[in-house]
C-alpha cells in the first residue's frame, strides 16, 4: 500500500504547450504545480451518529461486506445513482465521481466511485463501499484505491486499456490490472436507541 500518485500528468500535446511564447517572445507557463486538473478526490464519506463523527475501527477478518447476500435475487426496494461530477479533462480522458445506492428488504449497499483515465497515460479507480444488514448495529466500510501508469500496463501487456476503456462502467475490465495503493475495511458500531 502506498500513497496516491500526485504527478502532474502530461498529455501528448504537452511539448507544444510548454514551448508557447507571448507576443514579446516570453515563455508562457500555463500550468500550476499545486492544481490537480484530474479532480482526484480521496474522500471516502462521513458517518455521523447524533451529530458527531462515528468511531470507525478496523474490521476483523470475519467482518466484511456479505457479497453473497448482495448477489441474491432479492427485490430491490429502492435504487439511486448520482453523478457528483464528470469532466472530459480538456478532451484528454475522463474523470468522474458517482454514488450508487440500493436498498433491499434485508440490507443496503452504497458504492462511491472516483474514476480517472488520462488518455494513453494513466488509470485510477477509488472505490468506497458501505454495507449494512438491517437488524444489526454494524456498518461495514471498505475503501479500495487502485491505479496504473502506462508503464505499469505495458509491463502487464495491457496498455490497450488506456484507450479501450472509456468510462467507469467498464471498470471491471481493469480492476485486476491496477496496482492497489490502499485496501482497508472498517466497522462502525451504531447505538440502537
N, C-alpha and C. Protein backbone atom coordinates (compact mmCIF):
# COMPACT_ATOMS: atom_id res chain seq x y z
N UNK A 1 0.84 -1.18 0.00
CA UNK A 1 0.00 0.00 0.00
C UNK A 1 0.88 1.23 0.00
N UNK A 2 0.53 2.19 -0.83
CA UNK A 2 1.33 3.39 -0.95
C UNK A 2 0.48 4.63 -1.00
N UNK A 3 1.09 5.70 -1.40
CA UNK A 3 0.41 6.98 -1.48
C UNK A 3 -0.13 7.20 -2.89
N UNK A 4 -1.05 8.11 -3.01
CA UNK A 4 -1.63 8.47 -4.29
C UNK A 4 -0.58 9.18 -5.12
N UNK A 5 -0.54 8.84 -6.39
CA UNK A 5 0.38 9.49 -7.32
C UNK A 5 -0.19 10.86 -7.66
N UNK A 6 0.47 11.92 -7.20
CA UNK A 6 0.01 13.29 -7.48
C UNK A 6 0.84 13.91 -8.61
N UNK A 7 1.33 13.06 -9.50
CA UNK A 7 2.09 13.51 -10.64
C UNK A 7 1.27 14.49 -11.47
N UNK A 8 1.93 15.51 -11.99
CA UNK A 8 1.28 16.36 -12.97
C UNK A 8 1.33 15.60 -14.29
N UNK A 9 0.19 15.06 -14.71
CA UNK A 9 0.14 14.24 -15.91
C UNK A 9 0.37 15.10 -17.14
N UNK A 10 1.18 14.59 -18.05
CA UNK A 10 1.44 15.28 -19.29
C UNK A 10 0.81 14.49 -20.43
N UNK A 11 0.01 15.19 -21.22
CA UNK A 11 -0.64 14.56 -22.36
C UNK A 11 0.21 14.76 -23.61
N UNK A 12 -0.22 14.15 -24.72
CA UNK A 12 0.58 14.19 -25.95
C UNK A 12 0.98 15.61 -26.36
N UNK A 13 0.11 16.57 -26.21
CA UNK A 13 0.35 17.93 -26.68
C UNK A 13 1.22 18.76 -25.74
N UNK A 14 1.73 18.18 -24.66
CA UNK A 14 2.42 18.98 -23.66
C UNK A 14 3.64 19.71 -24.22
N UNK A 15 4.33 19.13 -25.17
CA UNK A 15 5.53 19.81 -25.72
C UNK A 15 5.14 21.08 -26.46
N UNK A 16 4.02 21.03 -27.20
CA UNK A 16 3.53 22.23 -27.88
C UNK A 16 3.19 23.31 -26.86
N UNK A 17 2.50 22.94 -25.82
CA UNK A 17 2.06 23.91 -24.82
C UNK A 17 3.25 24.50 -24.07
N UNK A 18 4.23 23.64 -23.75
CA UNK A 18 5.39 24.11 -22.99
C UNK A 18 6.26 25.08 -23.79
N UNK A 19 6.18 25.04 -25.11
CA UNK A 19 7.05 25.90 -25.93
C UNK A 19 6.35 27.19 -26.37
N UNK A 20 5.15 27.45 -25.87
CA UNK A 20 4.43 28.66 -26.27
C UNK A 20 5.09 29.92 -25.71
N UNK A 21 5.01 30.99 -26.48
CA UNK A 21 5.53 32.29 -26.03
C UNK A 21 4.48 33.35 -26.30
N UNK A 22 4.57 34.45 -25.55
CA UNK A 22 3.65 35.56 -25.78
C UNK A 22 4.18 36.43 -26.92
N UNK A 23 3.53 37.57 -27.17
CA UNK A 23 3.90 38.43 -28.31
C UNK A 23 5.29 39.04 -28.14
N UNK A 24 5.82 39.04 -26.92
CA UNK A 24 7.17 39.56 -26.67
C UNK A 24 8.23 38.45 -26.69
N UNK A 25 7.79 37.21 -26.98
CA UNK A 25 8.72 36.09 -27.01
C UNK A 25 9.00 35.49 -25.65
N UNK A 26 8.26 35.94 -24.63
CA UNK A 26 8.45 35.42 -23.27
C UNK A 26 7.69 34.10 -23.12
N UNK A 27 8.35 33.13 -22.51
CA UNK A 27 7.76 31.81 -22.30
C UNK A 27 6.50 31.93 -21.44
N UNK A 28 5.44 31.22 -21.85
CA UNK A 28 4.18 31.22 -21.10
C UNK A 28 4.08 29.93 -20.30
N UNK A 29 4.02 30.06 -19.01
CA UNK A 29 3.80 28.88 -18.15
C UNK A 29 2.31 28.83 -17.86
N UNK A 30 1.63 27.83 -18.36
CA UNK A 30 0.17 27.78 -18.27
C UNK A 30 -0.35 26.77 -17.25
N UNK A 31 0.49 26.17 -16.48
CA UNK A 31 0.00 25.19 -15.51
C UNK A 31 0.49 25.56 -14.13
N UNK A 32 -0.24 25.03 -13.15
CA UNK A 32 0.13 25.23 -11.75
C UNK A 32 0.51 23.87 -11.19
N UNK A 33 1.62 23.83 -10.51
CA UNK A 33 2.08 22.56 -9.93
C UNK A 33 1.17 22.10 -8.79
N UNK A 34 0.45 23.03 -8.15
CA UNK A 34 -0.36 22.67 -7.00
C UNK A 34 -1.82 22.41 -7.35
N UNK A 35 -2.15 22.33 -8.63
CA UNK A 35 -3.52 22.14 -9.06
C UNK A 35 -3.68 20.76 -9.70
N UNK A 36 -4.59 19.96 -9.16
CA UNK A 36 -4.84 18.63 -9.71
C UNK A 36 -5.97 18.75 -10.73
N UNK A 37 -5.63 18.88 -11.98
CA UNK A 37 -6.61 19.07 -13.04
C UNK A 37 -7.42 17.81 -13.33
N UNK A 38 -7.10 16.69 -12.65
CA UNK A 38 -7.85 15.45 -12.84
C UNK A 38 -9.01 15.32 -11.85
N UNK A 39 -9.11 16.24 -10.92
CA UNK A 39 -10.19 16.25 -9.91
C UNK A 39 -10.18 15.00 -9.02
N UNK A 40 -9.02 14.44 -8.79
CA UNK A 40 -8.92 13.27 -7.92
C UNK A 40 -9.29 13.65 -6.49
N UNK A 41 -10.15 12.85 -5.90
CA UNK A 41 -10.51 13.05 -4.51
C UNK A 41 -10.29 11.76 -3.73
N UNK A 42 -9.86 11.89 -2.50
CA UNK A 42 -9.69 10.72 -1.63
C UNK A 42 -10.81 10.64 -0.60
N UNK A 43 -11.82 11.48 -0.74
CA UNK A 43 -12.93 11.48 0.21
C UNK A 43 -13.64 10.14 0.20
N UNK A 44 -13.79 9.56 1.38
CA UNK A 44 -14.39 8.23 1.48
C UNK A 44 -15.69 8.25 2.29
N UNK A 45 -16.27 9.42 2.46
CA UNK A 45 -17.55 9.51 3.15
C UNK A 45 -17.40 9.83 4.63
N UNK A 46 -18.52 10.21 5.21
CA UNK A 46 -18.58 10.55 6.62
C UNK A 46 -19.82 9.88 7.21
N UNK A 47 -19.65 9.23 8.33
CA UNK A 47 -20.78 8.65 9.04
C UNK A 47 -20.88 9.36 10.37
N UNK A 48 -22.08 9.90 10.64
CA UNK A 48 -22.30 10.61 11.90
C UNK A 48 -23.39 9.91 12.69
N UNK A 49 -23.23 10.00 13.99
CA UNK A 49 -24.24 9.45 14.90
C UNK A 49 -24.56 10.54 15.91
N UNK A 50 -25.80 10.95 15.93
CA UNK A 50 -26.25 12.03 16.81
C UNK A 50 -25.41 13.28 16.61
N UNK A 51 -25.10 13.60 15.36
CA UNK A 51 -24.39 14.83 15.03
C UNK A 51 -22.88 14.78 15.22
N UNK A 52 -22.35 13.67 15.70
CA UNK A 52 -20.91 13.54 15.91
C UNK A 52 -20.36 12.46 15.00
N UNK A 53 -19.11 12.62 14.60
CA UNK A 53 -18.46 11.60 13.76
C UNK A 53 -18.46 10.26 14.49
N UNK A 54 -18.90 9.23 13.81
CA UNK A 54 -18.94 7.89 14.40
C UNK A 54 -17.53 7.30 14.43
N UNK A 55 -17.28 6.47 15.41
CA UNK A 55 -15.98 5.83 15.57
C UNK A 55 -15.84 4.66 14.59
N UNK A 56 -14.80 4.72 13.75
CA UNK A 56 -14.51 3.64 12.82
C UNK A 56 -13.35 2.83 13.39
N UNK A 57 -13.51 1.53 13.43
CA UNK A 57 -12.43 0.65 13.88
C UNK A 57 -12.11 -0.33 12.75
N UNK A 58 -10.85 -0.74 12.63
CA UNK A 58 -10.51 -1.71 11.58
C UNK A 58 -11.35 -2.97 11.71
N UNK A 59 -11.81 -3.48 10.59
CA UNK A 59 -12.64 -4.69 10.58
C UNK A 59 -11.79 -5.91 10.88
N UNK A 60 -12.39 -6.86 11.56
CA UNK A 60 -11.74 -8.14 11.80
C UNK A 60 -11.89 -8.99 10.53
N UNK A 61 -11.15 -10.07 10.44
CA UNK A 61 -11.18 -10.92 9.25
C UNK A 61 -12.58 -11.44 8.93
N UNK A 62 -13.38 -11.69 9.97
CA UNK A 62 -14.73 -12.22 9.74
C UNK A 62 -15.77 -11.13 9.54
N UNK A 63 -15.36 -9.87 9.57
CA UNK A 63 -16.27 -8.75 9.36
C UNK A 63 -16.01 -8.15 7.98
N UNK A 64 -16.99 -8.17 7.16
CA UNK A 64 -16.83 -7.60 5.83
C UNK A 64 -18.17 -7.56 5.13
N UNK A 65 -18.16 -7.04 3.95
CA UNK A 65 -19.38 -6.98 3.16
C UNK A 65 -19.78 -8.39 2.76
N UNK A 66 -21.04 -8.70 2.95
CA UNK A 66 -21.56 -10.02 2.59
C UNK A 66 -21.95 -9.99 1.11
N UNK A 67 -20.98 -10.25 0.25
CA UNK A 67 -21.23 -10.21 -1.20
C UNK A 67 -22.19 -11.30 -1.65
N UNK A 68 -22.23 -12.43 -0.93
CA UNK A 68 -23.19 -13.47 -1.28
C UNK A 68 -24.62 -12.97 -1.07
N UNK A 69 -24.84 -12.22 0.00
CA UNK A 69 -26.15 -11.63 0.24
C UNK A 69 -26.51 -10.64 -0.87
N UNK A 70 -25.54 -9.85 -1.30
CA UNK A 70 -25.79 -8.87 -2.36
C UNK A 70 -26.04 -9.53 -3.73
N UNK A 71 -25.51 -10.72 -3.93
CA UNK A 71 -25.69 -11.43 -5.20
C UNK A 71 -27.05 -12.12 -5.30
N UNK A 72 -27.73 -12.27 -4.17
CA UNK A 72 -29.04 -12.93 -4.20
C UNK A 72 -30.01 -12.12 -5.04
N UNK A 73 -31.03 -12.74 -5.52
CA UNK A 73 -32.02 -12.10 -6.39
C UNK A 73 -33.15 -11.45 -5.58
N UNK A 74 -32.85 -10.96 -4.39
CA UNK A 74 -33.87 -10.29 -3.58
C UNK A 74 -34.33 -9.03 -4.30
N UNK A 75 -35.61 -8.69 -4.17
CA UNK A 75 -36.11 -7.48 -4.84
C UNK A 75 -35.39 -6.23 -4.32
N UNK A 76 -35.09 -5.34 -5.24
CA UNK A 76 -34.50 -4.05 -4.87
C UNK A 76 -35.67 -3.10 -4.61
N UNK A 77 -35.76 -2.62 -3.37
CA UNK A 77 -36.87 -1.76 -3.00
C UNK A 77 -36.66 -0.32 -3.45
N UNK A 78 -35.41 0.09 -3.48
CA UNK A 78 -35.09 1.45 -3.92
C UNK A 78 -33.67 1.47 -4.46
N UNK A 79 -33.49 2.21 -5.55
CA UNK A 79 -32.18 2.33 -6.17
C UNK A 79 -31.99 3.79 -6.57
N UNK A 80 -30.79 4.29 -6.37
CA UNK A 80 -30.47 5.65 -6.81
C UNK A 80 -29.04 5.72 -7.30
N UNK A 81 -28.82 6.60 -8.25
CA UNK A 81 -27.48 6.83 -8.79
C UNK A 81 -27.32 8.33 -9.01
N UNK A 82 -26.23 8.89 -8.51
CA UNK A 82 -25.99 10.32 -8.65
C UNK A 82 -24.59 10.55 -9.16
N UNK A 83 -24.49 11.28 -10.25
CA UNK A 83 -23.19 11.68 -10.79
C UNK A 83 -22.81 12.98 -10.10
N UNK A 84 -21.80 12.94 -9.23
CA UNK A 84 -21.41 14.14 -8.49
C UNK A 84 -20.59 15.09 -9.36
N UNK A 85 -19.74 14.53 -10.19
CA UNK A 85 -19.06 15.35 -11.19
C UNK A 85 -18.59 14.47 -12.33
N UNK A 86 -18.37 15.10 -13.46
CA UNK A 86 -17.84 14.41 -14.63
C UNK A 86 -17.16 15.46 -15.50
N UNK A 87 -15.97 15.14 -15.99
CA UNK A 87 -15.22 16.08 -16.82
C UNK A 87 -14.44 15.30 -17.87
N UNK A 88 -14.30 15.88 -19.06
CA UNK A 88 -13.57 15.19 -20.12
C UNK A 88 -12.09 15.59 -20.16
N UNK A 89 -11.63 16.29 -19.14
CA UNK A 89 -10.21 16.66 -19.00
C UNK A 89 -9.66 17.31 -20.27
N UNK A 90 -10.40 18.29 -20.77
CA UNK A 90 -9.98 19.02 -21.97
C UNK A 90 -9.76 18.06 -23.15
N UNK A 91 -10.65 17.09 -23.29
CA UNK A 91 -10.57 16.07 -24.34
C UNK A 91 -9.34 15.18 -24.23
N UNK A 92 -8.87 14.98 -23.01
CA UNK A 92 -7.70 14.12 -22.79
C UNK A 92 -8.00 12.99 -21.81
N UNK A 93 -9.25 12.55 -21.75
CA UNK A 93 -9.60 11.46 -20.86
C UNK A 93 -10.93 11.73 -20.21
N UNK A 94 -11.13 11.17 -19.03
CA UNK A 94 -12.33 11.47 -18.28
C UNK A 94 -12.10 11.24 -16.79
N UNK A 95 -12.82 12.03 -16.02
CA UNK A 95 -12.78 11.96 -14.58
C UNK A 95 -14.21 12.08 -14.09
N UNK A 96 -14.59 11.23 -13.15
CA UNK A 96 -15.96 11.29 -12.65
C UNK A 96 -16.03 10.75 -11.23
N UNK A 97 -17.09 11.13 -10.56
CA UNK A 97 -17.41 10.56 -9.25
C UNK A 97 -18.90 10.26 -9.25
N UNK A 98 -19.23 9.00 -8.97
CA UNK A 98 -20.60 8.55 -9.00
C UNK A 98 -20.90 7.83 -7.70
N UNK A 99 -22.11 8.02 -7.19
CA UNK A 99 -22.55 7.30 -5.99
C UNK A 99 -23.83 6.54 -6.34
N UNK A 100 -23.82 5.24 -6.04
CA UNK A 100 -24.99 4.40 -6.28
C UNK A 100 -25.41 3.78 -4.96
N UNK A 101 -26.70 3.67 -4.77
CA UNK A 101 -27.22 3.03 -3.56
C UNK A 101 -28.36 2.10 -3.96
N UNK A 102 -28.41 0.97 -3.28
CA UNK A 102 -29.56 0.09 -3.46
C UNK A 102 -29.99 -0.42 -2.09
N UNK A 103 -31.29 -0.50 -1.93
CA UNK A 103 -31.88 -0.94 -0.67
C UNK A 103 -32.73 -2.16 -0.95
N UNK A 104 -32.45 -3.24 -0.22
CA UNK A 104 -33.26 -4.45 -0.29
C UNK A 104 -33.99 -4.59 1.05
N UNK A 105 -34.78 -5.61 1.21
CA UNK A 105 -35.55 -5.76 2.45
C UNK A 105 -34.66 -6.08 3.65
N UNK A 106 -33.47 -6.61 3.39
CA UNK A 106 -32.60 -7.05 4.49
C UNK A 106 -31.33 -6.22 4.66
N UNK A 107 -31.00 -5.33 3.70
CA UNK A 107 -29.74 -4.60 3.78
C UNK A 107 -29.73 -3.41 2.82
N UNK A 108 -28.70 -2.58 2.96
CA UNK A 108 -28.45 -1.57 1.93
C UNK A 108 -26.97 -1.61 1.57
N UNK A 109 -26.67 -1.12 0.37
CA UNK A 109 -25.31 -1.11 -0.16
C UNK A 109 -25.11 0.20 -0.91
N UNK A 110 -23.97 0.85 -0.64
CA UNK A 110 -23.63 2.10 -1.31
C UNK A 110 -22.25 1.94 -1.95
N UNK A 111 -22.12 2.38 -3.19
CA UNK A 111 -20.83 2.40 -3.86
C UNK A 111 -20.54 3.82 -4.32
N UNK A 112 -19.44 4.38 -3.84
CA UNK A 112 -18.93 5.66 -4.33
C UNK A 112 -17.69 5.36 -5.15
N UNK A 113 -17.66 5.83 -6.41
CA UNK A 113 -16.52 5.51 -7.27
C UNK A 113 -15.97 6.78 -7.92
N UNK A 114 -14.68 7.01 -7.67
CA UNK A 114 -13.96 8.05 -8.38
C UNK A 114 -13.19 7.35 -9.49
N UNK A 115 -13.41 7.78 -10.73
CA UNK A 115 -12.82 7.15 -11.91
C UNK A 115 -11.98 8.18 -12.64
N UNK A 116 -10.77 7.78 -13.06
CA UNK A 116 -9.92 8.68 -13.82
C UNK A 116 -9.21 7.91 -14.92
N UNK A 117 -9.27 8.46 -16.14
CA UNK A 117 -8.47 7.95 -17.24
C UNK A 117 -7.88 9.15 -17.97
N UNK A 118 -6.56 9.24 -17.98
CA UNK A 118 -5.87 10.26 -18.76
C UNK A 118 -5.37 9.53 -20.01
N UNK A 119 -5.83 10.01 -21.18
CA UNK A 119 -5.54 9.33 -22.44
C UNK A 119 -4.08 8.87 -22.53
N UNK A 120 -3.91 7.59 -22.80
CA UNK A 120 -2.61 7.00 -23.08
C UNK A 120 -1.58 7.26 -21.98
N UNK A 121 -2.07 7.52 -20.75
CA UNK A 121 -1.15 7.91 -19.68
C UNK A 121 -1.40 7.19 -18.36
N UNK A 122 -2.67 7.14 -17.89
CA UNK A 122 -2.92 6.74 -16.51
C UNK A 122 -4.36 6.28 -16.32
N UNK A 123 -4.57 5.31 -15.40
CA UNK A 123 -5.90 4.88 -14.96
C UNK A 123 -5.95 4.90 -13.44
N UNK A 124 -7.11 5.25 -12.90
CA UNK A 124 -7.26 5.27 -11.44
C UNK A 124 -8.72 4.97 -11.11
N UNK A 125 -8.93 4.12 -10.09
CA UNK A 125 -10.26 3.83 -9.56
C UNK A 125 -10.15 3.89 -8.04
N UNK A 126 -10.95 4.76 -7.42
CA UNK A 126 -11.04 4.82 -5.96
C UNK A 126 -12.48 4.45 -5.60
N UNK A 127 -12.66 3.33 -4.91
CA UNK A 127 -13.99 2.88 -4.51
C UNK A 127 -14.16 2.98 -3.00
N UNK A 128 -15.35 3.39 -2.59
CA UNK A 128 -15.78 3.31 -1.20
C UNK A 128 -17.09 2.56 -1.19
N UNK A 129 -17.13 1.47 -0.44
CA UNK A 129 -18.34 0.66 -0.34
C UNK A 129 -18.84 0.70 1.10
N UNK A 130 -20.15 0.88 1.25
CA UNK A 130 -20.77 0.93 2.58
C UNK A 130 -21.90 -0.10 2.58
N UNK A 131 -21.94 -0.92 3.63
CA UNK A 131 -22.89 -2.03 3.68
C UNK A 131 -23.45 -2.15 5.09
N UNK A 132 -24.76 -2.40 5.16
CA UNK A 132 -25.42 -2.58 6.47
C UNK A 132 -26.53 -3.61 6.33
N UNK A 133 -26.55 -4.56 7.25
CA UNK A 133 -27.64 -5.53 7.34
C UNK A 133 -28.60 -5.02 8.39
N UNK A 134 -29.88 -4.84 7.99
CA UNK A 134 -30.89 -4.36 8.93
C UNK A 134 -31.02 -5.31 10.11
N UNK A 135 -31.23 -4.75 11.28
CA UNK A 135 -31.36 -5.55 12.50
C UNK A 135 -30.03 -5.72 13.22
N UNK A 136 -28.94 -5.28 12.62
CA UNK A 136 -27.64 -5.31 13.28
C UNK A 136 -27.24 -3.88 13.62
N UNK A 137 -26.19 -3.75 14.40
CA UNK A 137 -25.73 -2.40 14.76
C UNK A 137 -24.38 -2.08 14.12
N UNK A 138 -24.03 -2.76 13.02
CA UNK A 138 -22.74 -2.54 12.38
C UNK A 138 -22.91 -2.06 10.94
N UNK A 139 -22.08 -1.11 10.59
CA UNK A 139 -21.97 -0.64 9.22
C UNK A 139 -20.55 -0.97 8.77
N UNK A 140 -20.43 -1.64 7.64
CA UNK A 140 -19.12 -2.03 7.11
C UNK A 140 -18.73 -1.03 6.03
N UNK A 141 -17.49 -0.55 6.09
CA UNK A 141 -16.97 0.38 5.09
C UNK A 141 -15.71 -0.23 4.50
N UNK A 142 -15.67 -0.36 3.19
CA UNK A 142 -14.47 -0.84 2.50
C UNK A 142 -13.96 0.27 1.59
N UNK A 143 -12.68 0.54 1.68
CA UNK A 143 -12.04 1.56 0.85
C UNK A 143 -10.96 0.87 0.03
N UNK A 144 -11.04 1.02 -1.28
CA UNK A 144 -10.03 0.43 -2.16
C UNK A 144 -9.61 1.47 -3.18
N UNK A 145 -8.33 1.72 -3.25
CA UNK A 145 -7.78 2.68 -4.20
C UNK A 145 -6.77 1.97 -5.08
N UNK A 146 -6.95 2.12 -6.39
CA UNK A 146 -6.09 1.44 -7.36
C UNK A 146 -5.70 2.42 -8.47
N UNK A 147 -4.52 2.19 -9.03
CA UNK A 147 -4.10 3.00 -10.17
C UNK A 147 -3.01 2.28 -10.94
N UNK A 148 -2.81 2.74 -12.16
CA UNK A 148 -1.75 2.17 -13.01
C UNK A 148 -1.33 3.21 -14.04
N UNK A 149 -0.03 3.36 -14.18
CA UNK A 149 0.50 4.24 -15.21
C UNK A 149 0.65 3.45 -16.50
N UNK A 150 0.97 4.15 -17.57
CA UNK A 150 1.20 3.48 -18.85
C UNK A 150 2.30 2.44 -18.71
N UNK A 151 3.39 2.79 -18.03
CA UNK A 151 4.49 1.83 -17.89
C UNK A 151 4.06 0.59 -17.10
N UNK A 152 3.19 0.78 -16.09
CA UNK A 152 2.66 -0.38 -15.35
C UNK A 152 1.89 -1.30 -16.28
N UNK A 153 1.04 -0.71 -17.12
CA UNK A 153 0.21 -1.51 -18.02
C UNK A 153 1.02 -2.14 -19.14
N UNK A 154 2.06 -1.48 -19.61
CA UNK A 154 2.93 -2.06 -20.63
C UNK A 154 3.60 -3.31 -20.08
N UNK A 155 4.06 -3.24 -18.82
CA UNK A 155 4.69 -4.41 -18.19
C UNK A 155 3.73 -5.60 -18.12
N UNK A 156 2.44 -5.31 -17.99
CA UNK A 156 1.43 -6.38 -17.91
C UNK A 156 0.84 -6.69 -19.28
N UNK A 157 1.40 -6.09 -20.34
CA UNK A 157 0.88 -6.28 -21.69
C UNK A 157 -0.59 -5.88 -21.78
N UNK A 158 -0.97 -4.79 -21.08
CA UNK A 158 -2.36 -4.34 -21.03
C UNK A 158 -2.50 -2.86 -21.35
N UNK A 159 -1.54 -2.28 -22.06
CA UNK A 159 -1.61 -0.84 -22.33
C UNK A 159 -2.82 -0.45 -23.18
N UNK A 160 -3.43 -1.42 -23.88
CA UNK A 160 -4.63 -1.14 -24.66
C UNK A 160 -5.78 -0.63 -23.79
N UNK A 161 -5.73 -0.91 -22.49
CA UNK A 161 -6.79 -0.45 -21.59
C UNK A 161 -6.85 1.08 -21.52
N UNK A 162 -5.74 1.75 -21.79
CA UNK A 162 -5.72 3.21 -21.72
C UNK A 162 -6.56 3.86 -22.81
N UNK A 163 -6.81 3.15 -23.88
CA UNK A 163 -7.62 3.72 -24.96
C UNK A 163 -8.96 2.99 -25.12
N UNK A 164 -9.03 1.72 -24.74
CA UNK A 164 -10.25 0.96 -24.94
C UNK A 164 -11.30 1.21 -23.86
N UNK A 165 -10.87 1.41 -22.63
CA UNK A 165 -11.81 1.60 -21.53
C UNK A 165 -12.09 3.10 -21.42
N UNK A 166 -13.28 3.50 -21.80
CA UNK A 166 -13.60 4.92 -21.90
C UNK A 166 -14.38 5.47 -20.72
N UNK A 167 -14.90 4.61 -19.86
CA UNK A 167 -15.66 5.15 -18.74
C UNK A 167 -15.72 4.13 -17.61
N UNK A 168 -16.18 4.60 -16.46
CA UNK A 168 -16.14 3.76 -15.26
C UNK A 168 -17.11 2.60 -15.33
N UNK A 169 -18.05 2.60 -16.25
CA UNK A 169 -18.96 1.47 -16.35
C UNK A 169 -18.24 0.21 -16.81
N UNK A 170 -17.03 0.35 -17.32
CA UNK A 170 -16.24 -0.80 -17.73
C UNK A 170 -15.09 -1.06 -16.76
N UNK A 171 -15.23 -0.56 -15.56
CA UNK A 171 -14.15 -0.67 -14.58
C UNK A 171 -13.78 -2.12 -14.28
N UNK A 172 -14.75 -3.03 -14.37
CA UNK A 172 -14.44 -4.43 -14.08
C UNK A 172 -13.39 -4.98 -15.04
N UNK A 173 -13.24 -4.37 -16.21
CA UNK A 173 -12.22 -4.82 -17.17
C UNK A 173 -10.81 -4.50 -16.69
N UNK A 174 -10.68 -3.48 -15.86
CA UNK A 174 -9.34 -3.06 -15.44
C UNK A 174 -9.04 -3.36 -13.98
N UNK A 175 -10.05 -3.72 -13.22
CA UNK A 175 -9.91 -3.87 -11.78
C UNK A 175 -8.71 -4.73 -11.37
N UNK A 176 -8.50 -5.84 -12.02
CA UNK A 176 -7.41 -6.74 -11.63
C UNK A 176 -6.06 -6.29 -12.17
N UNK A 177 -6.04 -5.31 -13.05
CA UNK A 177 -4.79 -4.85 -13.67
C UNK A 177 -4.14 -3.69 -12.92
N UNK A 178 -4.84 -3.07 -12.01
CA UNK A 178 -4.33 -1.87 -11.35
C UNK A 178 -3.61 -2.20 -10.06
N UNK A 179 -2.64 -1.38 -9.75
CA UNK A 179 -1.86 -1.52 -8.51
C UNK A 179 -2.72 -1.03 -7.35
N UNK A 180 -2.87 -1.84 -6.32
CA UNK A 180 -3.65 -1.46 -5.14
C UNK A 180 -2.76 -0.58 -4.27
N UNK A 181 -3.23 0.64 -4.02
CA UNK A 181 -2.46 1.53 -3.15
C UNK A 181 -3.09 1.67 -1.77
N UNK A 182 -4.34 1.22 -1.66
CA UNK A 182 -5.00 1.22 -0.36
C UNK A 182 -6.14 0.22 -0.42
N UNK A 183 -6.24 -0.60 0.61
CA UNK A 183 -7.32 -1.57 0.69
C UNK A 183 -7.57 -1.82 2.17
N UNK A 184 -8.62 -1.20 2.69
CA UNK A 184 -8.89 -1.36 4.12
C UNK A 184 -10.38 -1.41 4.37
N UNK A 185 -10.72 -2.04 5.47
CA UNK A 185 -12.13 -2.18 5.87
C UNK A 185 -12.29 -1.69 7.30
N UNK A 186 -13.43 -1.07 7.53
CA UNK A 186 -13.75 -0.56 8.85
C UNK A 186 -15.13 -1.01 9.26
N UNK A 187 -15.35 -0.99 10.57
CA UNK A 187 -16.67 -1.26 11.13
C UNK A 187 -17.06 -0.07 11.98
N UNK A 188 -18.28 0.40 11.78
CA UNK A 188 -18.85 1.43 12.63
C UNK A 188 -19.98 0.78 13.38
N UNK A 189 -19.91 0.82 14.70
CA UNK A 189 -20.97 0.28 15.53
C UNK A 189 -21.86 1.43 15.97
N UNK A 190 -23.14 1.33 15.64
CA UNK A 190 -24.07 2.40 15.97
C UNK A 190 -24.98 1.95 17.11
N UNK A 191 -25.34 2.91 17.94
CA UNK A 191 -26.25 2.61 19.05
C UNK A 191 -27.66 2.44 18.49
N UNK A 192 -28.37 1.52 19.03
CA UNK A 192 -29.76 1.31 18.62
C UNK A 192 -30.64 1.79 19.75
N UNK A 193 -31.12 3.04 19.60
CA UNK A 193 -31.93 3.65 20.66
C UNK A 193 -33.38 3.21 20.58
